[in-house]
Amino acid sequence: MEQYGTRDMIVVFGLNQPATVEIMARTFHDGDPSYAGPLAGVALGLKSYHILELKDHIPAHVWEEQMGMHELEIEDEIWEKICQILKQARHE
C-alpha cells in the first residue's frame, strides 16, 4: 500500500455474520476499534463491499461457477443488515 496508496483499493468480504463484517469494515476504514491489533489508530480509508454487491461486475459464467450456490445461502434479513452496515462504513 505504501507504493500504490489506497485510492484505487477496496476490501471484499464474503462473510455472512453482520457483527464480524461491521468490525472488519470499521477496521479497514478507520483503524482497529479495539486498539489491540496492528491497525490500531491506523485509518486506511478503505471502502468495504460484500461479494454479493459486486455481482454485476463479475462475468456471469465466473459468478455461476464460483458464487452461484453461496448466493442462495444468505437470508434476506441478514443480507439487508450487511448492506446497511457496509453503506454506513463507506459513508453512503
PDB file of N, CA and C in Angstrom:
ATOM      1  N   MET A   1       0.812  -1.184   0.000  1.00  0.00           N
ATOM      2  CA  MET A   1       0.000   0.000   0.000  1.00  0.00           C
ATOM      3  C   MET A   1       0.860   1.254   0.000  1.00  0.00           C
ATOM      4  N   GLU A   2       2.012   1.166   0.594  1.00  0.00           N
ATOM      5  CA  GLU A   2       2.870   2.343   0.603  1.00  0.00           C
ATOM      6  C   GLU A   2       3.264   2.742  -0.810  1.00  0.00           C
ATOM      7  N   GLN A   3       3.489   1.765  -1.668  1.00  0.00           N
ATOM      8  CA  GLN A   3       3.918   2.049  -3.029  1.00  0.00           C
ATOM      9  C   GLN A   3       2.787   2.611  -3.885  1.00  0.00           C
ATOM     10  N   TYR A   4       1.579   2.061  -3.748  1.00  0.00           N
ATOM     11  CA  TYR A   4       0.472   2.439  -4.628  1.00  0.00           C
ATOM     12  C   TYR A   4      -0.618   3.271  -3.960  1.00  0.00           C
ATOM     13  N   GLY A   5      -0.633   3.341  -2.649  1.00  0.00           N
ATOM     14  CA  GLY A   5      -1.679   4.061  -1.948  1.00  0.00           C
ATOM     15  C   GLY A   5      -2.950   3.236  -1.856  1.00  0.00           C
ATOM     16  N   THR A   6      -4.014   3.858  -1.366  1.00  0.00           N
ATOM     17  CA  THR A   6      -5.262   3.136  -1.160  1.00  0.00           C
ATOM     18  C   THR A   6      -6.416   3.685  -1.997  1.00  0.00           C
ATOM     19  N   ARG A   7      -6.162   4.679  -2.811  1.00  0.00           N
ATOM     20  CA  ARG A   7      -7.231   5.330  -3.564  1.00  0.00           C
ATOM     21  C   ARG A   7      -8.010   4.360  -4.447  1.00  0.00           C
ATOM     22  N   ASP A   8      -7.342   3.458  -5.118  1.00  0.00           N
ATOM     23  CA  ASP A   8      -7.995   2.521  -6.036  1.00  0.00           C
ATOM     24  C   ASP A   8      -8.108   1.118  -5.451  1.00  0.00           C
ATOM     25  N   MET A   9      -8.161   1.030  -4.143  1.00  0.00           N
ATOM     26  CA  MET A   9      -8.194  -0.269  -3.479  1.00  0.00           C
ATOM     27  C   MET A   9      -9.508  -0.410  -2.698  1.00  0.00           C
ATOM     28  N   ILE A  10     -10.079  -1.607  -2.707  1.00  0.00           N
ATOM     29  CA  ILE A  10     -11.259  -1.896  -1.905  1.00  0.00           C
ATOM     30  C   ILE A  10     -11.036  -3.199  -1.147  1.00  0.00           C
ATOM     31  N   VAL A  11     -11.897  -3.443  -0.171  1.00  0.00           N
ATOM     32  CA  VAL A  11     -11.894  -4.684   0.585  1.00  0.00           C
ATOM     33  C   VAL A  11     -13.170  -5.430   0.208  1.00  0.00           C
ATOM     34  N   VAL A  12     -13.055  -6.727  -0.077  1.00  0.00           N
ATOM     35  CA  VAL A  12     -14.219  -7.527  -0.449  1.00  0.00           C
ATOM     36  C   VAL A  12     -14.391  -8.642   0.575  1.00  0.00           C
ATOM     37  N   PHE A  13     -15.592  -8.687   1.172  1.00  0.00           N
ATOM     38  CA  PHE A  13     -15.924  -9.711   2.153  1.00  0.00           C
ATOM     39  C   PHE A  13     -16.858 -10.741   1.547  1.00  0.00           C
ATOM     40  N   GLY A  14     -16.814 -11.928   2.086  1.00  0.00           N
ATOM     41  CA  GLY A  14     -17.753 -12.978   1.722  1.00  0.00           C
ATOM     42  C   GLY A  14     -18.446 -13.507   2.967  1.00  0.00           C
ATOM     43  N   LEU A  15     -18.287 -12.798   4.062  1.00  0.00           N
ATOM     44  CA  LEU A  15     -18.832 -13.224   5.350  1.00  0.00           C
ATOM     45  C   LEU A  15     -20.338 -12.984   5.430  1.00  0.00           C
ATOM     46  N   ASN A  16     -21.009 -13.821   6.203  1.00  0.00           N
ATOM     47  CA  ASN A  16     -22.442 -13.661   6.395  1.00  0.00           C
ATOM     48  C   ASN A  16     -22.799 -13.391   7.854  1.00  0.00           C
ATOM     49  N   GLN A  17     -21.841 -12.895   8.622  1.00  0.00           N
ATOM     50  CA  GLN A  17     -22.078 -12.535  10.014  1.00  0.00           C
ATOM     51  C   GLN A  17     -21.986 -11.016  10.140  1.00  0.00           C
ATOM     52  N   PRO A  18     -23.137 -10.337  10.302  1.00  0.00           N
ATOM     53  CA  PRO A  18     -23.136  -8.870  10.337  1.00  0.00           C
ATOM     54  C   PRO A  18     -22.168  -8.257  11.340  1.00  0.00           C
ATOM     55  N   ALA A  19     -22.082  -8.800  12.538  1.00  0.00           N
ATOM     56  CA  ALA A  19     -21.194  -8.216  13.558  1.00  0.00           C
ATOM     57  C   ALA A  19     -19.735  -8.276  13.118  1.00  0.00           C
ATOM     58  N   THR A  20     -19.331  -9.374  12.529  1.00  0.00           N
ATOM     59  CA  THR A  20     -17.952  -9.522  12.052  1.00  0.00           C
ATOM     60  C   THR A  20     -17.682  -8.582  10.889  1.00  0.00           C
ATOM     61  N   VAL A  21     -18.633  -8.475   9.971  1.00  0.00           N
ATOM     62  CA  VAL A  21     -18.493  -7.558   8.839  1.00  0.00           C
ATOM     63  C   VAL A  21     -18.334  -6.124   9.343  1.00  0.00           C
ATOM     64  N   GLU A  22     -19.113  -5.757  10.337  1.00  0.00           N
ATOM     65  CA  GLU A  22     -19.045  -4.390  10.865  1.00  0.00           C
ATOM     66  C   GLU A  22     -17.674  -4.085  11.467  1.00  0.00           C
ATOM     67  N   ILE A  23     -17.164  -4.979  12.279  1.00  0.00           N
ATOM     68  CA  ILE A  23     -15.850  -4.766  12.908  1.00  0.00           C
ATOM     69  C   ILE A  23     -14.763  -4.680  11.845  1.00  0.00           C
ATOM     70  N   MET A  24     -14.806  -5.580  10.880  1.00  0.00           N
ATOM     71  CA  MET A  24     -13.764  -5.595   9.853  1.00  0.00           C
ATOM     72  C   MET A  24     -13.845  -4.365   8.958  1.00  0.00           C
ATOM     73  N   ALA A  25     -15.045  -3.970   8.563  1.00  0.00           N
ATOM     74  CA  ALA A  25     -15.200  -2.780   7.716  1.00  0.00           C
ATOM     75  C   ALA A  25     -14.708  -1.537   8.453  1.00  0.00           C
ATOM     76  N   ARG A  26     -15.043  -1.422   9.722  1.00  0.00           N
ATOM     77  CA  ARG A  26     -14.568  -0.285  10.513  1.00  0.00           C
ATOM     78  C   ARG A  26     -13.051  -0.298  10.641  1.00  0.00           C
ATOM     79  N   THR A  27     -12.499  -1.484  10.822  1.00  0.00           N
ATOM     80  CA  THR A  27     -11.045  -1.608  10.960  1.00  0.00           C
ATOM     81  C   THR A  27     -10.328  -1.157   9.692  1.00  0.00           C
ATOM     82  N   PHE A  28     -10.800  -1.619   8.535  1.00  0.00           N
ATOM     83  CA  PHE A  28     -10.148  -1.248   7.280  1.00  0.00           C
ATOM     84  C   PHE A  28     -10.368   0.214   6.914  1.00  0.00           C
ATOM     85  N   HIS A  29     -11.420   0.829   7.416  1.00  0.00           N
ATOM     86  CA  HIS A  29     -11.650   2.239   7.098  1.00  0.00           C
ATOM     87  C   HIS A  29     -11.034   3.161   8.145  1.00  0.00           C
ATOM     88  N   ASP A  30     -11.359   2.910   9.422  1.00  0.00           N
ATOM     89  CA  ASP A  30     -10.980   3.841  10.491  1.00  0.00           C
ATOM     90  C   ASP A  30      -9.828   3.381  11.375  1.00  0.00           C
ATOM     91  N   GLY A  31      -9.413   2.131  11.240  1.00  0.00           N
ATOM     92  CA  GLY A  31      -8.408   1.567  12.136  1.00  0.00           C
ATOM     93  C   GLY A  31      -9.080   0.644  13.134  1.00  0.00           C
ATOM     94  N   ASP A  32      -8.319  -0.156  13.810  1.00  0.00           N
ATOM     95  CA  ASP A  32      -8.841  -1.154  14.744  1.00  0.00           C
ATOM     96  C   ASP A  32      -9.577  -0.468  15.893  1.00  0.00           C
ATOM     97  N   PRO A  33     -10.913  -0.693  16.000  1.00  0.00           N
ATOM     98  CA  PRO A  33     -11.678  -0.034  17.059  1.00  0.00           C
ATOM     99  C   PRO A  33     -11.340  -0.542  18.463  1.00  0.00           C
ATOM    100  N   SER A  34     -10.719  -1.703  18.565  1.00  0.00           N
ATOM    101  CA  SER A  34     -10.358  -2.238  19.882  1.00  0.00           C
ATOM    102  C   SER A  34      -8.974  -1.760  20.319  1.00  0.00           C
ATOM    103  N   TYR A  35      -8.240  -1.156  19.396  1.00  0.00           N
ATOM    104  CA  TYR A  35      -6.863  -0.711  19.650  1.00  0.00           C
ATOM    105  C   TYR A  35      -5.975  -1.849  20.136  1.00  0.00           C
ATOM    106  N   ALA A  36      -6.265  -3.067  19.652  1.00  0.00           N
ATOM    107  CA  ALA A  36      -5.492  -4.221  20.092  1.00  0.00           C
ATOM    108  C   ALA A  36      -4.619  -4.804  18.987  1.00  0.00           C
ATOM    109  N   GLY A  37      -4.913  -4.495  17.750  1.00  0.00           N
ATOM    110  CA  GLY A  37      -4.198  -5.117  16.644  1.00  0.00           C
ATOM    111  C   GLY A  37      -3.249  -4.177  15.943  1.00  0.00           C
ATOM    112  N   PRO A  38      -2.636  -4.645  14.866  1.00  0.00           N
ATOM    113  CA  PRO A  38      -1.649  -3.839  14.144  1.00  0.00           C
ATOM    114  C   PRO A  38      -2.245  -2.616  13.447  1.00  0.00           C
ATOM    115  N   LEU A  39      -3.572  -2.575  13.282  1.00  0.00           N
ATOM    116  CA  LEU A  39      -4.205  -1.410  12.653  1.00  0.00           C
ATOM    117  C   LEU A  39      -4.799  -0.445  13.676  1.00  0.00           C
ATOM    118  N   ALA A  40      -4.403  -0.576  14.935  1.00  0.00           N
ATOM    119  CA  ALA A  40      -4.872   0.333  15.976  1.00  0.00           C
ATOM    120  C   ALA A  40      -4.434   1.752  15.648  1.00  0.00           C
ATOM    121  N   GLY A  41      -5.406   2.622  15.479  1.00  0.00           N
ATOM    122  CA  GLY A  41      -5.105   4.014  15.182  1.00  0.00           C
ATOM    123  C   GLY A  41      -4.642   4.272  13.760  1.00  0.00           C
ATOM    124  N   VAL A  42      -4.703   3.258  12.889  1.00  0.00           N
ATOM    125  CA  VAL A  42      -4.266   3.402  11.500  1.00  0.00           C
ATOM    126  C   VAL A  42      -5.504   3.434  10.610  1.00  0.00           C
ATOM    127  N   ALA A  43      -5.892   4.614  10.179  1.00  0.00           N
ATOM    128  CA  ALA A  43      -7.070   4.768   9.321  1.00  0.00           C
ATOM    129  C   ALA A  43      -6.653   4.609   7.866  1.00  0.00           C
ATOM    130  N   LEU A  44      -6.965   3.458   7.286  1.00  0.00           N
ATOM    131  CA  LEU A  44      -6.592   3.198   5.892  1.00  0.00           C
ATOM    132  C   LEU A  44      -7.566   3.847   4.913  1.00  0.00           C
ATOM    133  N   GLY A  45      -8.787   4.101   5.359  1.00  0.00           N
ATOM    134  CA  GLY A  45      -9.777   4.730   4.496  1.00  0.00           C
ATOM    135  C   GLY A  45     -10.292   3.818   3.391  1.00  0.00           C
ATOM    136  N   LEU A  46     -10.133   2.511   3.542  1.00  0.00           N
ATOM    137  CA  LEU A  46     -10.570   1.572   2.511  1.00  0.00           C
ATOM    138  C   LEU A  46     -12.069   1.343   2.570  1.00  0.00           C
ATOM    139  N   LYS A  47     -12.697   1.321   1.417  1.00  0.00           N
ATOM    140  CA  LYS A  47     -14.124   1.034   1.329  1.00  0.00           C
ATOM    141  C   LYS A  47     -14.313  -0.474   1.246  1.00  0.00           C
ATOM    142  N   SER A  48     -15.317  -0.966   1.969  1.00  0.00           N
ATOM    143  CA  SER A  48     -15.585  -2.399   2.024  1.00  0.00           C
ATOM    144  C   SER A  48     -16.884  -2.727   1.306  1.00  0.00           C
ATOM    145  N   TYR A  49     -16.861  -3.851   0.605  1.00  0.00           N
ATOM    146  CA  TYR A  49     -18.026  -4.346  -0.114  1.00  0.00           C
ATOM    147  C   TYR A  49     -18.182  -5.828   0.172  1.00  0.00           C
ATOM    148  N   HIS A  50     -19.404  -6.303   0.073  1.00  0.00           N
ATOM    149  CA  HIS A  50     -19.649  -7.739   0.144  1.00  0.00           C
ATOM    150  C   HIS A  50     -19.625  -8.247  -1.288  1.00  0.00           C
ATOM    151  N   ILE A  51     -19.141  -9.445  -1.492  1.00  0.00           N
ATOM    152  CA  ILE A  51     -19.024 -10.003  -2.836  1.00  0.00           C
ATOM    153  C   ILE A  51     -20.369  -9.967  -3.574  1.00  0.00           C
ATOM    154  N   LEU A  52     -21.469 -10.122  -2.846  1.00  0.00           N
ATOM    155  CA  LEU A  52     -22.779 -10.098  -3.495  1.00  0.00           C
ATOM    156  C   LEU A  52     -23.116  -8.720  -4.065  1.00  0.00           C
ATOM    157  N   GLU A  53     -22.533  -7.668  -3.511  1.00  0.00           N
ATOM    158  CA  GLU A  53     -22.737  -6.322  -4.054  1.00  0.00           C
ATOM    159  C   GLU A  53     -22.042  -6.141  -5.397  1.00  0.00           C
ATOM    160  N   LEU A  54     -21.088  -6.984  -5.686  1.00  0.00           N
ATOM    161  CA  LEU A  54     -20.268  -6.839  -6.887  1.00  0.00           C
ATOM    162  C   LEU A  54     -20.690  -7.775  -8.018  1.00  0.00           C
ATOM    163  N   LYS A  55     -21.802  -8.452  -7.851  1.00  0.00           N
ATOM    164  CA  LYS A  55     -22.253  -9.447  -8.823  1.00  0.00           C
ATOM    165  C   LYS A  55     -22.303  -8.900 -10.245  1.00  0.00           C
ATOM    166  N   ASP A  56     -22.792  -7.688 -10.423  1.00  0.00           N
ATOM    167  CA  ASP A  56     -22.930  -7.098 -11.762  1.00  0.00           C
ATOM    168  C   ASP A  56     -21.585  -6.789 -12.422  1.00  0.00           C
ATOM    169  N   HIS A  57     -20.514  -6.844 -11.663  1.00  0.00           N
ATOM    170  CA  HIS A  57     -19.176  -6.532 -12.182  1.00  0.00           C
ATOM    171  C   HIS A  57     -18.350  -7.785 -12.476  1.00  0.00           C
ATOM    172  N   ILE A  58     -18.970  -8.948 -12.286  1.00  0.00           N
ATOM    173  CA  ILE A  58     -18.270 -10.220 -12.465  1.00  0.00           C
ATOM    174  C   ILE A  58     -18.923 -10.967 -13.623  1.00  0.00           C
ATOM    175  N   PRO A  59     -18.139 -11.492 -14.555  1.00  0.00           N
ATOM    176  CA  PRO A  59     -18.728 -12.235 -15.678  1.00  0.00           C
ATOM    177  C   PRO A  59     -19.674 -13.331 -15.177  1.00  0.00           C
ATOM    178  N   ALA A  60     -20.811 -13.485 -15.848  1.00  0.00           N
ATOM    179  CA  ALA A  60     -21.856 -14.409 -15.411  1.00  0.00           C
ATOM    180  C   ALA A  60     -21.350 -15.842 -15.240  1.00  0.00           C
ATOM    181  N   HIS A  61     -20.516 -16.313 -16.159  1.00  0.00           N
ATOM    182  CA  HIS A  61     -20.038 -17.700 -16.046  1.00  0.00           C
ATOM    183  C   HIS A  61     -19.120 -17.882 -14.829  1.00  0.00           C
ATOM    184  N   VAL A  62     -18.351 -16.862 -14.506  1.00  0.00           N
ATOM    185  CA  VAL A  62     -17.483 -16.926 -13.327  1.00  0.00           C
ATOM    186  C   VAL A  62     -18.346 -16.900 -12.072  1.00  0.00           C
ATOM    187  N   TRP A  63     -19.338 -16.024 -12.066  1.00  0.00           N
ATOM    188  CA  TRP A  63     -20.232 -15.933 -10.911  1.00  0.00           C
ATOM    189  C   TRP A  63     -20.899 -17.277 -10.649  1.00  0.00           C
ATOM    190  N   GLU A  64     -21.484 -17.856 -11.667  1.00  0.00           N
ATOM    191  CA  GLU A  64     -22.185 -19.135 -11.507  1.00  0.00           C
ATOM    192  C   GLU A  64     -21.257 -20.225 -10.989  1.00  0.00           C
ATOM    193  N   GLU A  65     -20.067 -20.276 -11.528  1.00  0.00           N
ATOM    194  CA  GLU A  65     -19.111 -21.295 -11.131  1.00  0.00           C
ATOM    195  C   GLU A  65     -18.624 -21.115  -9.695  1.00  0.00           C
ATOM    196  N   GLN A  66     -18.357 -19.883  -9.305  1.00  0.00           N
ATOM    197  CA  GLN A  66     -17.727 -19.616  -8.018  1.00  0.00           C
ATOM    198  C   GLN A  66     -18.714 -19.235  -6.899  1.00  0.00           C
ATOM    199  N   MET A  67     -19.809 -18.554  -7.250  1.00  0.00           N
ATOM    200  CA  MET A  67     -20.674 -17.983  -6.217  1.00  0.00           C
ATOM    201  C   MET A  67     -22.127 -18.434  -6.281  1.00  0.00           C
ATOM    202  N   GLY A  68     -22.523 -19.113  -7.337  1.00  0.00           N
ATOM    203  CA  GLY A  68     -23.921 -19.467  -7.538  1.00  0.00           C
ATOM    204  C   GLY A  68     -24.603 -20.065  -6.315  1.00  0.00           C
ATOM    205  N   MET A  69     -24.023 -21.072  -5.733  1.00  0.00           N
ATOM    206  CA  MET A  69     -24.623 -21.723  -4.564  1.00  0.00           C
ATOM    207  C   MET A  69     -24.512 -20.870  -3.305  1.00  0.00           C
ATOM    208  N   HIS A  70     -23.424 -20.148  -3.157  1.00  0.00           N
ATOM    209  CA  HIS A  70     -23.233 -19.315  -1.964  1.00  0.00           C
ATOM    210  C   HIS A  70     -24.256 -18.191  -1.895  1.00  0.00           C
ATOM    211  N   GLU A  71     -24.646 -17.702  -3.040  1.00  0.00           N
ATOM    212  CA  GLU A  71     -25.627 -16.622  -3.091  1.00  0.00           C
ATOM    213  C   GLU A  71     -26.951 -17.062  -2.473  1.00  0.00           C
ATOM    214  N   LEU A  72     -27.285 -18.322  -2.597  1.00  0.00           N
ATOM    215  CA  LEU A  72     -28.543 -18.842  -2.071  1.00  0.00           C
ATOM    216  C   LEU A  72     -28.518 -19.052  -0.560  1.00  0.00           C
ATOM    217  N   GLU A  73     -27.336 -19.076   0.021  1.00  0.00           N
ATOM    218  CA  GLU A  73     -27.197 -19.392   1.439  1.00  0.00           C
ATOM    219  C   GLU A  73     -27.536 -18.243   2.382  1.00  0.00           C
ATOM    220  N   ILE A  74     -27.497 -17.023   1.917  1.00  0.00           N
ATOM    221  CA  ILE A  74     -27.691 -15.881   2.807  1.00  0.00           C
ATOM    222  C   ILE A  74     -29.171 -15.492   2.882  1.00  0.00           C
ATOM    223  N   GLU A  75     -29.651 -15.354   4.091  1.00  0.00           N
ATOM    224  CA  GLU A  75     -31.048 -14.983   4.321  1.00  0.00           C
ATOM    225  C   GLU A  75     -31.243 -13.493   4.050  1.00  0.00           C
ATOM    226  N   ASP A  76     -32.427 -13.126   3.584  1.00  0.00           N
ATOM    227  CA  ASP A  76     -32.720 -11.739   3.212  1.00  0.00           C
ATOM    228  C   ASP A  76     -32.484 -10.763   4.362  1.00  0.00           C
ATOM    229  N   GLU A  77     -32.914 -11.124   5.560  1.00  0.00           N
ATOM    230  CA  GLU A  77     -32.761 -10.239   6.719  1.00  0.00           C
ATOM    231  C   GLU A  77     -31.287  -9.975   7.025  1.00  0.00           C
ATOM    232  N   ILE A  78     -30.481 -11.022   6.963  1.00  0.00           N
ATOM    233  CA  ILE A  78     -29.040 -10.873   7.210  1.00  0.00           C
ATOM    234  C   ILE A  78     -28.403 -10.058   6.100  1.00  0.00           C
ATOM    235  N   TRP A  79     -28.799 -10.303   4.858  1.00  0.00           N
ATOM    236  CA  TRP A  79     -28.253  -9.563   3.719  1.00  0.00           C
ATOM    237  C   TRP A  79     -28.550  -8.072   3.850  1.00  0.00           C
ATOM    238  N   GLU A  80     -29.776  -7.724   4.237  1.00  0.00           N
ATOM    239  CA  GLU A  80     -30.139  -6.317   4.412  1.00  0.00           C
ATOM    240  C   GLU A  80     -29.302  -5.665   5.502  1.00  0.00           C
ATOM    241  N   LYS A  81     -29.065  -6.375   6.594  1.00  0.00           N
ATOM    242  CA  LYS A  81     -28.246  -5.842   7.687  1.00  0.00           C
ATOM    243  C   LYS A  81     -26.800  -5.622   7.226  1.00  0.00           C
ATOM    244  N   ILE A  82     -26.252  -6.581   6.496  1.00  0.00           N
ATOM    245  CA  ILE A  82     -24.882  -6.454   5.992  1.00  0.00           C
ATOM    246  C   ILE A  82     -24.772  -5.255   5.047  1.00  0.00           C
ATOM    247  N   CYS A  83     -25.736  -5.103   4.152  1.00  0.00           N
ATOM    248  CA  CYS A  83     -25.722  -3.949   3.226  1.00  0.00           C
ATOM    249  C   CYS A  83     -25.772  -2.635   3.985  1.00  0.00           C
ATOM    250  N   GLN A  84     -26.618  -2.574   4.999  1.00  0.00           N
ATOM    251  CA  GLN A  84     -26.736  -1.362   5.820  1.00  0.00           C
ATOM    252  C   GLN A  84     -25.407  -1.044   6.515  1.00  0.00           C
ATOM    253  N   ILE A  85     -24.792  -2.052   7.087  1.00  0.00           N
ATOM    254  CA  ILE A  85     -23.515  -1.873   7.782  1.00  0.00           C
ATOM    255  C   ILE A  85     -22.441  -1.375   6.830  1.00  0.00           C
ATOM    256  N   LEU A  86     -22.340  -1.986   5.655  1.00  0.00           N
ATOM    257  CA  LEU A  86     -21.295  -1.605   4.713  1.00  0.00           C
ATOM    258  C   LEU A  86     -21.533  -0.215   4.128  1.00  0.00           C
ATOM    259  N   LYS A  87     -22.763   0.149   3.871  1.00  0.00           N
ATOM    260  CA  LYS A  87     -23.060   1.509   3.390  1.00  0.00           C
ATOM    261  C   LYS A  87     -22.676   2.551   4.432  1.00  0.00           C
ATOM    262  N   GLN A  88     -22.960   2.252   5.691  1.00  0.00           N
ATOM    263  CA  GLN A  88     -22.558   3.161   6.768  1.00  0.00           C
ATOM    264  C   GLN A  88     -21.040   3.273   6.843  1.00  0.00           C
ATOM    265  N   ALA A  89     -20.362   2.156   6.743  1.00  0.00           N
ATOM    266  CA  ALA A  89     -18.899   2.155   6.809  1.00  0.00           C
ATOM    267  C   ALA A  89     -18.282   2.922   5.641  1.00  0.00           C
ATOM    268  N   ARG A  90     -18.968   2.911   4.483  1.00  0.00           N
ATOM    269  CA  ARG A  90     -18.475   3.647   3.305  1.00  0.00           C
ATOM    270  C   ARG A  90     -18.953   5.100   3.311  1.00  0.00           C
ATOM    271  N   HIS A  91     -19.727   5.459   4.328  1.00  0.00           N
ATOM    272  CA  HIS A  91     -20.283   6.808   4.459  1.00  0.00           C
ATOM    273  C   HIS A  91     -21.188   7.160   3.289  1.00  0.00           C
ATOM    274  N   GLU A  92     -22.042   6.204   2.919  1.00  0.00           N
ATOM    275  CA  GLU A  92     -23.000   6.436   1.823  1.00  0.00           C
ATOM    276  C   GLU A  92     -24.356   6.747   2.394  1.00  0.00           C
TER     277      GLU A  92
END
